[in-house]
Amino acid sequence: MYVEGNVVVAEFTRAAAFDEVEQIQEAFVRCVRQPRVTAHVAHMDLDRSPGERMLGGAAEAAAVGSEHGLEKWAAVADSIERLAVKCRVSEADIDVLATDDVTEAMTWARE
């Protein structure tokens, strides 16, 4: 996870998404606290459904992000996961984009 301009970028791989949820949340909080951050792009390359633990983590992260000025969240995946994340993150009053195109997500997040 890293910050690029105003965007926190996270690339969730098969292992990280399921085995390192707490570490991912801690890294996200550190990144989102930076004053210039206003958006998040979560690129998910998963070999199975994210499950309740990961989806719950996304909802919690969105709530924390909203408290720190996060305005946008892009969920990028080739499958239905992007819609599941969108539903959870939308509860935090953040604009959400669900797409399968990382370039589109980054462009939208930077606007």
PDB file of N, CA and C in Angstrom:
ATOM      1  N   MET A   1       0.858  -1.160   0.000  1.00  0.00           N
ATOM      2  CA  MET A   1       0.000   0.000   0.000  1.00  0.00           C
ATOM      3  C   MET A   1       0.908   1.228   0.000  1.00  0.00           C
ATOM      4  N   TYR A   2       0.531   2.211  -0.814  1.00  0.00           N
ATOM      5  CA  TYR A   2       1.337   3.414  -0.934  1.00  0.00           C
ATOM      6  C   TYR A   2       0.452   4.583  -1.350  1.00  0.00           C
ATOM      7  N   VAL A   3       1.005   5.793  -1.225  1.00  0.00           N
ATOM      8  CA  VAL A   3       0.295   7.001  -1.629  1.00  0.00           C
ATOM      9  C   VAL A   3       0.917   7.527  -2.912  1.00  0.00           C
ATOM     10  N   GLU A   4       0.059   7.773  -3.889  1.00  0.00           N
ATOM     11  CA  GLU A   4       0.481   8.354  -5.159  1.00  0.00           C
ATOM     12  C   GLU A   4      -0.345   9.620  -5.364  1.00  0.00           C
ATOM     13  N   GLY A   5       0.285  10.771  -5.151  1.00  0.00           N
ATOM     14  CA  GLY A   5      -0.450  12.031  -5.215  1.00  0.00           C
ATOM     15  C   GLY A   5      -1.455  12.091  -4.086  1.00  0.00           C
ATOM     16  N   ASN A   6      -2.733  12.181  -4.434  1.00  0.00           N
ATOM     17  CA  ASN A   6      -3.806  12.236  -3.436  1.00  0.00           C
ATOM     18  C   ASN A   6      -4.493  10.884  -3.221  1.00  0.00           C
ATOM     19  N   VAL A   7      -3.918   9.820  -3.772  1.00  0.00           N
ATOM     20  CA  VAL A   7      -4.586   8.517  -3.793  1.00  0.00           C
ATOM     21  C   VAL A   7      -3.806   7.472  -2.996  1.00  0.00           C
ATOM     22  N   VAL A   8      -4.496   6.790  -2.084  1.00  0.00           N
ATOM     23  CA  VAL A   8      -3.939   5.601  -1.431  1.00  0.00           C
ATOM     24  C   VAL A   8      -4.208   4.436  -2.384  1.00  0.00           C
ATOM     25  N   VAL A   9      -3.146   3.777  -2.807  1.00  0.00           N
ATOM     26  CA  VAL A   9      -3.264   2.658  -3.743  1.00  0.00           C
ATOM     27  C   VAL A   9      -2.963   1.361  -2.998  1.00  0.00           C
ATOM     28  N   ALA A  10      -3.855   0.392  -3.150  1.00  0.00           N
ATOM     29  CA  ALA A  10      -3.652  -0.923  -2.536  1.00  0.00           C
ATOM     30  C   ALA A  10      -3.884  -1.993  -3.587  1.00  0.00           C
ATOM     31  N   GLU A  11      -2.938  -2.901  -3.680  1.00  0.00           N
ATOM     32  CA  GLU A  11      -3.072  -4.033  -4.586  1.00  0.00           C
ATOM     33  C   GLU A  11      -3.211  -5.281  -3.731  1.00  0.00           C
ATOM     34  N   PHE A  12      -4.397  -5.837  -3.748  1.00  0.00           N
ATOM     35  CA  PHE A  12      -4.687  -7.016  -2.941  1.00  0.00           C
ATOM     36  C   PHE A  12      -4.436  -8.268  -3.760  1.00  0.00           C
ATOM     37  N   THR A  13      -3.456  -9.051  -3.330  1.00  0.00           N
ATOM     38  CA  THR A  13      -3.140 -10.302  -3.995  1.00  0.00           C
ATOM     39  C   THR A  13      -3.849 -11.433  -3.267  1.00  0.00           C
ATOM     40  N   ARG A  14      -3.776 -12.584  -3.827  1.00  0.00           N
ATOM     41  CA  ARG A  14      -4.439 -13.744  -3.234  1.00  0.00           C
ATOM     42  C   ARG A  14      -4.056 -13.930  -1.768  1.00  0.00           C
ATOM     43  N   ALA A  15      -2.783 -13.855  -1.450  1.00  0.00           N
ATOM     44  CA  ALA A  15      -2.334 -14.089  -0.072  1.00  0.00           C
ATOM     45  C   ALA A  15      -2.660 -12.915   0.843  1.00  0.00           C
ATOM     46  N   ALA A  16      -2.340 -11.712   0.420  1.00  0.00           N
ATOM     47  CA  ALA A  16      -2.503 -10.544   1.281  1.00  0.00           C
ATOM     48  C   ALA A  16      -3.950 -10.315   1.673  1.00  0.00           C
ATOM     49  N   ALA A  17      -4.851 -10.526   0.776  1.00  0.00           N
ATOM     50  CA  ALA A  17      -6.259 -10.236   1.042  1.00  0.00           C
ATOM     51  C   ALA A  17      -6.839 -11.088   2.158  1.00  0.00           C
ATOM     52  N   PHE A  18      -6.312 -12.258   2.358  1.00  0.00           N
ATOM     53  CA  PHE A  18      -6.904 -13.173   3.328  1.00  0.00           C
ATOM     54  C   PHE A  18      -6.042 -13.413   4.564  1.00  0.00           C
ATOM     55  N   ASP A  19      -4.749 -13.222   4.440  1.00  0.00           N
ATOM     56  CA  ASP A  19      -3.851 -13.564   5.531  1.00  0.00           C
ATOM     57  C   ASP A  19      -3.349 -12.362   6.319  1.00  0.00           C
ATOM     58  N   GLU A  20      -3.522 -11.168   5.799  1.00  0.00           N
ATOM     59  CA  GLU A  20      -2.911 -10.003   6.417  1.00  0.00           C
ATOM     60  C   GLU A  20      -3.906  -8.863   6.623  1.00  0.00           C
ATOM     61  N   VAL A  21      -5.132  -9.169   6.959  1.00  0.00           N
ATOM     62  CA  VAL A  21      -6.172  -8.149   7.072  1.00  0.00           C
ATOM     63  C   VAL A  21      -5.794  -7.062   8.078  1.00  0.00           C
ATOM     64  N   GLU A  22      -5.281  -7.447   9.228  1.00  0.00           N
ATOM     65  CA  GLU A  22      -4.927  -6.447  10.249  1.00  0.00           C
ATOM     66  C   GLU A  22      -3.797  -5.532   9.770  1.00  0.00           C
ATOM     67  N   GLN A  23      -2.790  -6.114   9.130  1.00  0.00           N
ATOM     68  CA  GLN A  23      -1.671  -5.317   8.627  1.00  0.00           C
ATOM     69  C   GLN A  23      -2.137  -4.370   7.521  1.00  0.00           C
ATOM     70  N   ILE A  24      -3.036  -4.835   6.708  1.00  0.00           N
ATOM     71  CA  ILE A  24      -3.583  -3.995   5.640  1.00  0.00           C
ATOM     72  C   ILE A  24      -4.333  -2.816   6.246  1.00  0.00           C
ATOM     73  N   GLN A  25      -5.141  -3.074   7.256  1.00  0.00           N
ATOM     74  CA  GLN A  25      -5.896  -1.989   7.895  1.00  0.00           C
ATOM     75  C   GLN A  25      -4.969  -0.968   8.541  1.00  0.00           C
ATOM     76  N   GLU A  26      -3.915  -1.423   9.200  1.00  0.00           N
ATOM     77  CA  GLU A  26      -2.961  -0.509   9.829  1.00  0.00           C
ATOM     78  C   GLU A  26      -2.259   0.351   8.781  1.00  0.00           C
ATOM     79  N   ALA A  27      -1.834  -0.253   7.681  1.00  0.00           N
ATOM     80  CA  ALA A  27      -1.169   0.493   6.612  1.00  0.00           C
ATOM     81  C   ALA A  27      -2.122   1.524   5.999  1.00  0.00           C
ATOM     82  N   PHE A  28      -3.380   1.129   5.830  1.00  0.00           N
ATOM     83  CA  PHE A  28      -4.368   2.046   5.267  1.00  0.00           C
ATOM     84  C   PHE A  28      -4.545   3.272   6.161  1.00  0.00           C
ATOM     85  N   VAL A  29      -4.672   3.057   7.451  1.00  0.00           N
ATOM     86  CA  VAL A  29      -4.857   4.170   8.387  1.00  0.00           C
ATOM     87  C   VAL A  29      -3.660   5.112   8.331  1.00  0.00           C
ATOM     88  N   ARG A  30      -2.447   4.569   8.295  1.00  0.00           N
ATOM     89  CA  ARG A  30      -1.254   5.422   8.197  1.00  0.00           C
ATOM     90  C   ARG A  30      -1.286   6.263   6.928  1.00  0.00           C
ATOM     91  N   CYS A  31      -1.680   5.667   5.830  1.00  0.00           N
ATOM     92  CA  CYS A  31      -1.714   6.385   4.550  1.00  0.00           C
ATOM     93  C   CYS A  31      -2.828   7.425   4.496  1.00  0.00           C
ATOM     94  N   VAL A  32      -4.017   7.061   4.939  1.00  0.00           N
ATOM     95  CA  VAL A  32      -5.173   7.943   4.807  1.00  0.00           C
ATOM     96  C   VAL A  32      -5.073   9.164   5.726  1.00  0.00           C
ATOM     97  N   ARG A  33      -4.252   9.091   6.738  1.00  0.00           N
ATOM     98  CA  ARG A  33      -4.068  10.231   7.642  1.00  0.00           C
ATOM     99  C   ARG A  33      -3.241  11.357   7.020  1.00  0.00           C
ATOM    100  N   GLN A  34      -2.607  11.092   5.895  1.00  0.00           N
ATOM    101  CA  GLN A  34      -1.828  12.132   5.237  1.00  0.00           C
ATOM    102  C   GLN A  34      -2.787  13.193   4.695  1.00  0.00           C
ATOM    103  N   PRO A  35      -2.505  14.478   4.956  1.00  0.00           N
ATOM    104  CA  PRO A  35      -3.446  15.547   4.609  1.00  0.00           C
ATOM    105  C   PRO A  35      -3.827  15.620   3.130  1.00  0.00           C
ATOM    106  N   ARG A  36      -2.942  15.234   2.253  1.00  0.00           N
ATOM    107  CA  ARG A  36      -3.236  15.366   0.812  1.00  0.00           C
ATOM    108  C   ARG A  36      -4.129  14.249   0.277  1.00  0.00           C
ATOM    109  N   VAL A  37      -4.331  13.193   1.040  1.00  0.00           N
ATOM    110  CA  VAL A  37      -5.080  12.026   0.574  1.00  0.00           C
ATOM    111  C   VAL A  37      -6.580  12.318   0.567  1.00  0.00           C
ATOM    112  N   THR A  38      -7.210  12.104  -0.596  1.00  0.00           N
ATOM    113  CA  THR A  38      -8.660  12.283  -0.726  1.00  0.00           C
ATOM    114  C   THR A  38      -9.343  11.087  -1.386  1.00  0.00           C
ATOM    115  N   ALA A  39      -8.544  10.093  -1.828  1.00  0.00           N
ATOM    116  CA  ALA A  39      -9.139   8.968  -2.558  1.00  0.00           C
ATOM    117  C   ALA A  39      -8.362   7.677  -2.295  1.00  0.00           C
ATOM    118  N   HIS A  40      -9.032   6.569  -2.588  1.00  0.00           N
ATOM    119  CA  HIS A  40      -8.435   5.237  -2.425  1.00  0.00           C
ATOM    120  C   HIS A  40      -8.786   4.399  -3.642  1.00  0.00           C
ATOM    121  N   VAL A  41      -7.789   3.687  -4.163  1.00  0.00           N
ATOM    122  CA  VAL A  41      -8.016   2.716  -5.230  1.00  0.00           C
ATOM    123  C   VAL A  41      -7.586   1.353  -4.707  1.00  0.00           C
ATOM    124  N   ALA A  42      -8.543   0.444  -4.626  1.00  0.00           N
ATOM    125  CA  ALA A  42      -8.290  -0.924  -4.176  1.00  0.00           C
ATOM    126  C   ALA A  42      -8.371  -1.850  -5.376  1.00  0.00           C
ATOM    127  N   HIS A  43      -7.215  -2.353  -5.803  1.00  0.00           N
ATOM    128  CA  HIS A  43      -7.162  -3.266  -6.937  1.00  0.00           C
ATOM    129  C   HIS A  43      -7.110  -4.686  -6.398  1.00  0.00           C
ATOM    130  N   MET A  44      -8.147  -5.452  -6.664  1.00  0.00           N
ATOM    131  CA  MET A  44      -8.285  -6.796  -6.107  1.00  0.00           C
ATOM    132  C   MET A  44      -8.051  -7.859  -7.177  1.00  0.00           C
ATOM    133  N   ASP A  45      -7.058  -8.683  -6.955  1.00  0.00           N
ATOM    134  CA  ASP A  45      -6.752  -9.813  -7.821  1.00  0.00           C
ATOM    135  C   ASP A  45      -6.880 -11.060  -6.951  1.00  0.00           C
ATOM    136  N   LEU A  46      -8.108 -11.505  -6.761  1.00  0.00           N
ATOM    137  CA  LEU A  46      -8.407 -12.554  -5.790  1.00  0.00           C
ATOM    138  C   LEU A  46      -8.733 -13.871  -6.478  1.00  0.00           C
ATOM    139  N   ASP A  47      -8.350 -14.957  -5.841  1.00  0.00           N
ATOM    140  CA  ASP A  47      -8.651 -16.277  -6.389  1.00  0.00           C
ATOM    141  C   ASP A  47      -9.875 -16.912  -5.740  1.00  0.00           C
ATOM    142  N   ARG A  48     -10.505 -16.171  -4.820  1.00  0.00           N
ATOM    143  CA  ARG A  48     -11.757 -16.641  -4.206  1.00  0.00           C
ATOM    144  C   ARG A  48     -12.512 -15.424  -3.686  1.00  0.00           C
ATOM    145  N   SER A  49     -13.730 -15.624  -3.276  1.00  0.00           N
ATOM    146  CA  SER A  49     -14.561 -14.541  -2.760  1.00  0.00           C
ATOM    147  C   SER A  49     -13.889 -13.883  -1.557  1.00  0.00           C
ATOM    148  N   PRO A  50     -14.011 -12.562  -1.409  1.00  0.00           N
ATOM    149  CA  PRO A  50     -13.349 -11.889  -0.299  1.00  0.00           C
ATOM    150  C   PRO A  50     -13.873 -12.286   1.074  1.00  0.00           C
ATOM    151  N   GLY A  51     -15.079 -12.704   1.167  1.00  0.00           N
ATOM    152  CA  GLY A  51     -15.624 -13.137   2.454  1.00  0.00           C
ATOM    153  C   GLY A  51     -15.952 -11.979   3.377  1.00  0.00           C
ATOM    154  N   GLU A  52     -16.633 -12.337   4.435  1.00  0.00           N
ATOM    155  CA  GLU A  52     -17.129 -11.328   5.384  1.00  0.00           C
ATOM    156  C   GLU A  52     -16.005 -10.567   6.070  1.00  0.00           C
ATOM    157  N   ARG A  53     -14.935 -11.244   6.407  1.00  0.00           N
ATOM    158  CA  ARG A  53     -13.830 -10.575   7.123  1.00  0.00           C
ATOM    159  C   ARG A  53     -13.227  -9.453   6.284  1.00  0.00           C
ATOM    160  N   MET A  54     -12.967  -9.724   5.021  1.00  0.00           N
ATOM    161  CA  MET A  54     -12.380  -8.705   4.153  1.00  0.00           C
ATOM    162  C   MET A  54     -13.388  -7.609   3.831  1.00  0.00           C
ATOM    163  N   LEU A  55     -14.623  -7.964   3.563  1.00  0.00           N
ATOM    164  CA  LEU A  55     -15.646  -6.960   3.273  1.00  0.00           C
ATOM    165  C   LEU A  55     -15.908  -6.076   4.486  1.00  0.00           C
ATOM    166  N   GLY A  56     -15.936  -6.678   5.660  1.00  0.00           N
ATOM    167  CA  GLY A  56     -16.083  -5.896   6.884  1.00  0.00           C
ATOM    168  C   GLY A  56     -14.914  -4.953   7.080  1.00  0.00           C
ATOM    169  N   GLY A  57     -13.714  -5.419   6.745  1.00  0.00           N
ATOM    170  CA  GLY A  57     -12.530  -4.567   6.827  1.00  0.00           C
ATOM    171  C   GLY A  57     -12.621  -3.386   5.887  1.00  0.00           C
ATOM    172  N   ALA A  58     -13.167  -3.599   4.696  1.00  0.00           N
ATOM    173  CA  ALA A  58     -13.343  -2.500   3.744  1.00  0.00           C
ATOM    174  C   ALA A  58     -14.328  -1.472   4.286  1.00  0.00           C
ATOM    175  N   ALA A  59     -15.409  -1.940   4.879  1.00  0.00           N
ATOM    176  CA  ALA A  59     -16.404  -1.021   5.453  1.00  0.00           C
ATOM    177  C   ALA A  59     -15.795  -0.198   6.588  1.00  0.00           C
ATOM    178  N   GLU A  60     -15.029  -0.866   7.453  1.00  0.00           N
ATOM    179  CA  GLU A  60     -14.368  -0.155   8.557  1.00  0.00           C
ATOM    180  C   GLU A  60     -13.354   0.849   8.032  1.00  0.00           C
ATOM    181  N   ALA A  61     -12.583   0.456   7.034  1.00  0.00           N
ATOM    182  CA  ALA A  61     -11.588   1.352   6.453  1.00  0.00           C
ATOM    183  C   ALA A  61     -12.259   2.564   5.819  1.00  0.00           C
ATOM    184  N   ALA A  62     -13.376   2.360   5.162  1.00  0.00           N
ATOM    185  CA  ALA A  62     -14.096   3.481   4.554  1.00  0.00           C
ATOM    186  C   ALA A  62     -14.583   4.457   5.617  1.00  0.00           C
ATOM    187  N   ALA A  63     -15.070   3.934   6.722  1.00  0.00           N
ATOM    188  CA  ALA A  63     -15.526   4.807   7.811  1.00  0.00           C
ATOM    189  C   ALA A  63     -14.367   5.614   8.376  1.00  0.00           C
ATOM    190  N   VAL A  64     -13.236   4.968   8.605  1.00  0.00           N
ATOM    191  CA  VAL A  64     -12.044   5.676   9.102  1.00  0.00           C
ATOM    192  C   VAL A  64     -11.575   6.691   8.068  1.00  0.00           C
ATOM    193  N   GLY A  65     -11.549   6.284   6.819  1.00  0.00           N
ATOM    194  CA  GLY A  65     -11.135   7.190   5.751  1.00  0.00           C
ATOM    195  C   GLY A  65     -12.010   8.416   5.670  1.00  0.00           C
ATOM    196  N   SER A  66     -13.299   8.221   5.802  1.00  0.00           N
ATOM    197  CA  SER A  66     -14.244   9.338   5.766  1.00  0.00           C
ATOM    198  C   SER A  66     -13.947  10.342   6.882  1.00  0.00           C
ATOM    199  N   GLU A  67     -13.594   9.830   8.052  1.00  0.00           N
ATOM    200  CA  GLU A  67     -13.248  10.701   9.185  1.00  0.00           C
ATOM    201  C   GLU A  67     -11.997  11.535   8.904  1.00  0.00           C
ATOM    202  N   HIS A  68     -11.137  11.036   8.018  1.00  0.00           N
ATOM    203  CA  HIS A  68      -9.888  11.724   7.702  1.00  0.00           C
ATOM    204  C   HIS A  68      -9.936  12.440   6.357  1.00  0.00           C
ATOM    205  N   GLY A  69     -11.124  12.642   5.801  1.00  0.00           N
ATOM    206  CA  GLY A  69     -11.261  13.421   4.581  1.00  0.00           C
ATOM    207  C   GLY A  69     -11.287  12.636   3.284  1.00  0.00           C
ATOM    208  N   LEU A  70     -11.352  11.316   3.361  1.00  0.00           N
ATOM    209  CA  LEU A  70     -11.440  10.517   2.148  1.00  0.00           C
ATOM    210  C   LEU A  70     -12.788  10.774   1.478  1.00  0.00           C
ATOM    211  N   GLU A  71     -12.751  11.085   0.197  1.00  0.00           N
ATOM    212  CA  GLU A  71     -13.963  11.424  -0.546  1.00  0.00           C
ATOM    213  C   GLU A  71     -14.347  10.369  -1.579  1.00  0.00           C
ATOM    214  N   LYS A  72     -13.355   9.609  -2.071  1.00  0.00           N
ATOM    215  CA  LYS A  72     -13.598   8.653  -3.155  1.00  0.00           C
ATOM    216  C   LYS A  72     -12.937   7.317  -2.854  1.00  0.00           C
ATOM    217  N   TRP A  73     -13.583   6.252  -3.349  1.00  0.00           N
ATOM    218  CA  TRP A  73     -13.057   4.900  -3.205  1.00  0.00           C
ATOM    219  C   TRP A  73     -13.360   4.150  -4.497  1.00  0.00           C
ATOM    220  N   ALA A  74     -12.337   3.652  -5.153  1.00  0.00           N
ATOM    221  CA  ALA A  74     -12.529   2.858  -6.364  1.00  0.00           C
ATOM    222  C   ALA A  74     -12.218   1.399  -6.061  1.00  0.00           C
ATOM    223  N   ALA A  75     -13.148   0.527  -6.374  1.00  0.00           N
ATOM    224  CA  ALA A  75     -12.976  -0.916  -6.221  1.00  0.00           C
ATOM    225  C   ALA A  75     -12.730  -1.491  -7.614  1.00  0.00           C
ATOM    226  N   VAL A  76     -11.525  -2.017  -7.821  1.00  0.00           N
ATOM    227  CA  VAL A  76     -11.136  -2.531  -9.133  1.00  0.00           C
ATOM    228  C   VAL A  76     -10.964  -4.042  -9.049  1.00  0.00           C
ATOM    229  N   ALA A  77     -11.728  -4.753  -9.871  1.00  0.00           N
ATOM    230  CA  ALA A  77     -11.615  -6.218  -9.937  1.00  0.00           C
ATOM    231  C   ALA A  77     -12.248  -6.698 -11.233  1.00  0.00           C
ATOM    232  N   ASP A  78     -11.844  -7.879 -11.651  1.00  0.00           N
ATOM    233  CA  ASP A  78     -12.403  -8.469 -12.863  1.00  0.00           C
ATOM    234  C   ASP A  78     -13.705  -9.203 -12.608  1.00  0.00           C
ATOM    235  N   SER A  79     -14.121  -9.277 -11.374  1.00  0.00           N
ATOM    236  CA  SER A  79     -15.302 -10.076 -11.053  1.00  0.00           C
ATOM    237  C   SER A  79     -16.225  -9.334 -10.092  1.00  0.00           C
ATOM    238  N   ILE A  80     -17.169 -10.060  -9.552  1.00  0.00           N
ATOM    239  CA  ILE A  80     -18.232  -9.512  -8.717  1.00  0.00           C
ATOM    240  C   ILE A  80     -17.721  -8.855  -7.430  1.00  0.00           C
ATOM    241  N   GLU A  81     -16.478  -9.141  -7.032  1.00  0.00           N
ATOM    242  CA  GLU A  81     -15.938  -8.563  -5.798  1.00  0.00           C
ATOM    243  C   GLU A  81     -16.052  -7.049  -5.772  1.00  0.00           C
ATOM    244  N   ARG A  82     -15.864  -6.422  -6.911  1.00  0.00           N
ATOM    245  CA  ARG A  82     -15.925  -4.952  -6.939  1.00  0.00           C
ATOM    246  C   ARG A  82     -17.300  -4.449  -6.514  1.00  0.00           C
ATOM    247  N   LEU A  83     -18.347  -5.164  -6.848  1.00  0.00           N
ATOM    248  CA  LEU A  83     -19.692  -4.739  -6.469  1.00  0.00           C
ATOM    249  C   LEU A  83     -19.956  -4.997  -4.986  1.00  0.00           C
ATOM    250  N   ALA A  84     -19.430  -6.088  -4.464  1.00  0.00           N
ATOM    251  CA  ALA A  84     -19.585  -6.375  -3.036  1.00  0.00           C
ATOM    252  C   ALA A  84     -18.885  -5.306  -2.205  1.00  0.00           C
ATOM    253  N   VAL A  85     -17.677  -4.919  -2.619  1.00  0.00           N
ATOM    254  CA  VAL A  85     -16.948  -3.869  -1.907  1.00  0.00           C
ATOM    255  C   VAL A  85     -17.682  -2.542  -2.048  1.00  0.00           C
ATOM    256  N   LYS A  86     -18.174  -2.249  -3.248  1.00  0.00           N
ATOM    257  CA  LYS A  86     -18.911  -0.994  -3.459  1.00  0.00           C
ATOM    258  C   LYS A  86     -20.083  -0.879  -2.499  1.00  0.00           C
ATOM    259  N   CYS A  87     -20.832  -1.947  -2.336  1.00  0.00           N
ATOM    260  CA  CYS A  87     -21.985  -1.920  -1.423  1.00  0.00           C
ATOM    261  C   CYS A  87     -21.563  -1.609   0.003  1.00  0.00           C
ATOM    262  N   ARG A  88     -20.489  -2.200   0.469  1.00  0.00           N
ATOM    263  CA  ARG A  88     -20.025  -1.979   1.837  1.00  0.00           C
ATOM    264  C   ARG A  88     -19.464  -0.579   2.038  1.00  0.00           C
ATOM    265  N   VAL A  89     -18.689  -0.113   1.082  1.00  0.00           N
ATOM    266  CA  VAL A  89     -18.041   1.190   1.208  1.00  0.00           C
ATOM    267  C   VAL A  89     -19.056   2.321   1.062  1.00  0.00           C
ATOM    268  N   SER A  90     -20.087   2.126   0.279  1.00  0.00           N
ATOM    269  CA  SER A  90     -21.102   3.158   0.057  1.00  0.00           C
ATOM    270  C   SER A  90     -21.784   3.582   1.343  1.00  0.00           C
ATOM    271  N   GLU A  91     -21.778   2.734   2.337  1.00  0.00           N
ATOM    272  CA  GLU A  91     -22.405   3.056   3.615  1.00  0.00           C
ATOM    273  C   GLU A  91     -21.672   4.171   4.354  1.00  0.00           C
ATOM    274  N   ALA A  92     -20.427   4.474   3.956  1.00  0.00           N
ATOM    275  CA  ALA A  92     -19.604   5.465   4.652  1.00  0.00           C
ATOM    276  C   ALA A  92     -19.722   6.863   4.038  1.00  0.00           C
ATOM    277  N   ASP A  93     -20.687   7.097   3.175  1.00  0.00           N
ATOM    278  CA  ASP A  93     -20.882   8.407   2.563  1.00  0.00           C
ATOM    279  C   ASP A  93     -19.647   8.852   1.781  1.00  0.00           C
ATOM    280  N   ILE A  94     -19.105   7.942   0.984  1.00  0.00           N
ATOM    281  CA  ILE A  94     -17.971   8.203   0.103  1.00  0.00           C
ATOM    282  C   ILE A  94     -18.430   7.872  -1.311  1.00  0.00           C
ATOM    283  N   ASP A  95     -18.007   8.680  -2.290  1.00  0.00           N
ATOM    284  CA  ASP A  95     -18.290   8.356  -3.682  1.00  0.00           C
ATOM    285  C   ASP A  95     -17.528   7.093  -4.047  1.00  0.00           C
ATOM    286  N   VAL A  96     -18.215   6.147  -4.696  1.00  0.00           N
ATOM    287  CA  VAL A  96     -17.597   4.861  -4.996  1.00  0.00           C
ATOM    288  C   VAL A  96     -17.718   4.552  -6.481  1.00  0.00           C
ATOM    289  N   LEU A  97     -16.622   4.063  -7.033  1.00  0.00           N
ATOM    290  CA  LEU A  97     -16.582   3.598  -8.412  1.00  0.00           C
ATOM    291  C   LEU A  97     -16.235   2.124  -8.397  1.00  0.00           C
ATOM    292  N   ALA A  98     -16.991   1.310  -9.107  1.00  0.00           N
ATOM    293  CA  ALA A  98     -16.689  -0.111  -9.268  1.00  0.00           C
ATOM    294  C   ALA A  98     -16.353  -0.329 -10.736  1.00  0.00           C
ATOM    295  N   THR A  99     -15.154  -0.819 -11.002  1.00  0.00           N
ATOM    296  CA  THR A  99     -14.686  -0.980 -12.374  1.00  0.00           C
ATOM    297  C   THR A  99     -13.709  -2.138 -12.470  1.00  0.00           C
ATOM    298  N   ASP A 100     -13.400  -2.524 -13.698  1.00  0.00           N
ATOM    299  CA  ASP A 100     -12.355  -3.528 -13.912  1.00  0.00           C
ATOM    300  C   ASP A 100     -11.114  -2.903 -14.535  1.00  0.00           C
ATOM    301  N   ASP A 101     -11.074  -1.563 -14.601  1.00  0.00           N
ATOM    302  CA  ASP A 101     -10.001  -0.833 -15.271  1.00  0.00           C
ATOM    303  C   ASP A 101      -9.236   0.047 -14.276  1.00  0.00           C
ATOM    304  N   VAL A 102      -7.992  -0.324 -13.989  1.00  0.00           N
ATOM    305  CA  VAL A 102      -7.174   0.418 -13.028  1.00  0.00           C
ATOM    306  C   VAL A 102      -6.920   1.848 -13.509  1.00  0.00           C
ATOM    307  N   THR A 103      -6.664   2.023 -14.791  1.00  0.00           N
ATOM    308  CA  THR A 103      -6.408   3.366 -15.328  1.00  0.00           C
ATOM    309  C   THR A 103      -7.621   4.267 -15.133  1.00  0.00           C
ATOM    310  N   GLU A 104      -8.796   3.749 -15.422  1.00  0.00           N
ATOM    311  CA  GLU A 104     -10.027   4.512 -15.211  1.00  0.00           C
ATOM    312  C   GLU A 104     -10.173   4.893 -13.741  1.00  0.00           C
ATOM    313  N   ALA A 105      -9.903   3.957 -12.856  1.00  0.00           N
ATOM    314  CA  ALA A 105     -10.031   4.205 -11.424  1.00  0.00           C
ATOM    315  C   ALA A 105      -9.064   5.289 -10.958  1.00  0.00           C
ATOM    316  N   MET A 106      -7.816   5.224 -11.391  1.00  0.00           N
ATOM    317  CA  MET A 106      -6.825   6.220 -10.991  1.00  0.00           C
ATOM    318  C   MET A 106      -7.179   7.599 -11.538  1.00  0.00           C
ATOM    319  N   THR A 107      -7.627   7.676 -12.755  1.00  0.00           N
ATOM    320  CA  THR A 107      -8.032   8.964 -13.331  1.00  0.00           C
ATOM    321  C   THR A 107      -9.185   9.560 -12.545  1.00  0.00           C
ATOM    322  N   TRP A 108     -10.180   8.752 -12.254  1.00  0.00           N
ATOM    323  CA  TRP A 108     -11.345   9.203 -11.481  1.00  0.00           C
ATOM    324  C   TRP A 108     -10.934   9.641 -10.096  1.00  0.00           C
ATOM    325  N   ALA A 109     -10.066   8.899  -9.443  1.00  0.00           N
ATOM    326  CA  ALA A 109      -9.648   9.208  -8.077  1.00  0.00           C
ATOM    327  C   ALA A 109      -8.875  10.517  -8.006  1.00  0.00           C
ATOM    328  N   ARG A 110      -8.127  10.832  -9.038  1.00  0.00           N
ATOM    329  CA  ARG A 110      -7.314  12.058  -9.049  1.00  0.00           C
ATOM    330  C   ARG A 110      -8.124  13.315  -9.328  1.00  0.00           C
ATOM    331  N   GLU A 111      -9.295  13.178  -9.895  1.00  0.00           N
ATOM    332  CA  GLU A 111     -10.121  14.350 -10.260  1.00  0.00           C
ATOM    333  C   GLU A 111     -10.648  15.064  -9.051  1.00  0.00           C
TER     334      GLU A 111
END
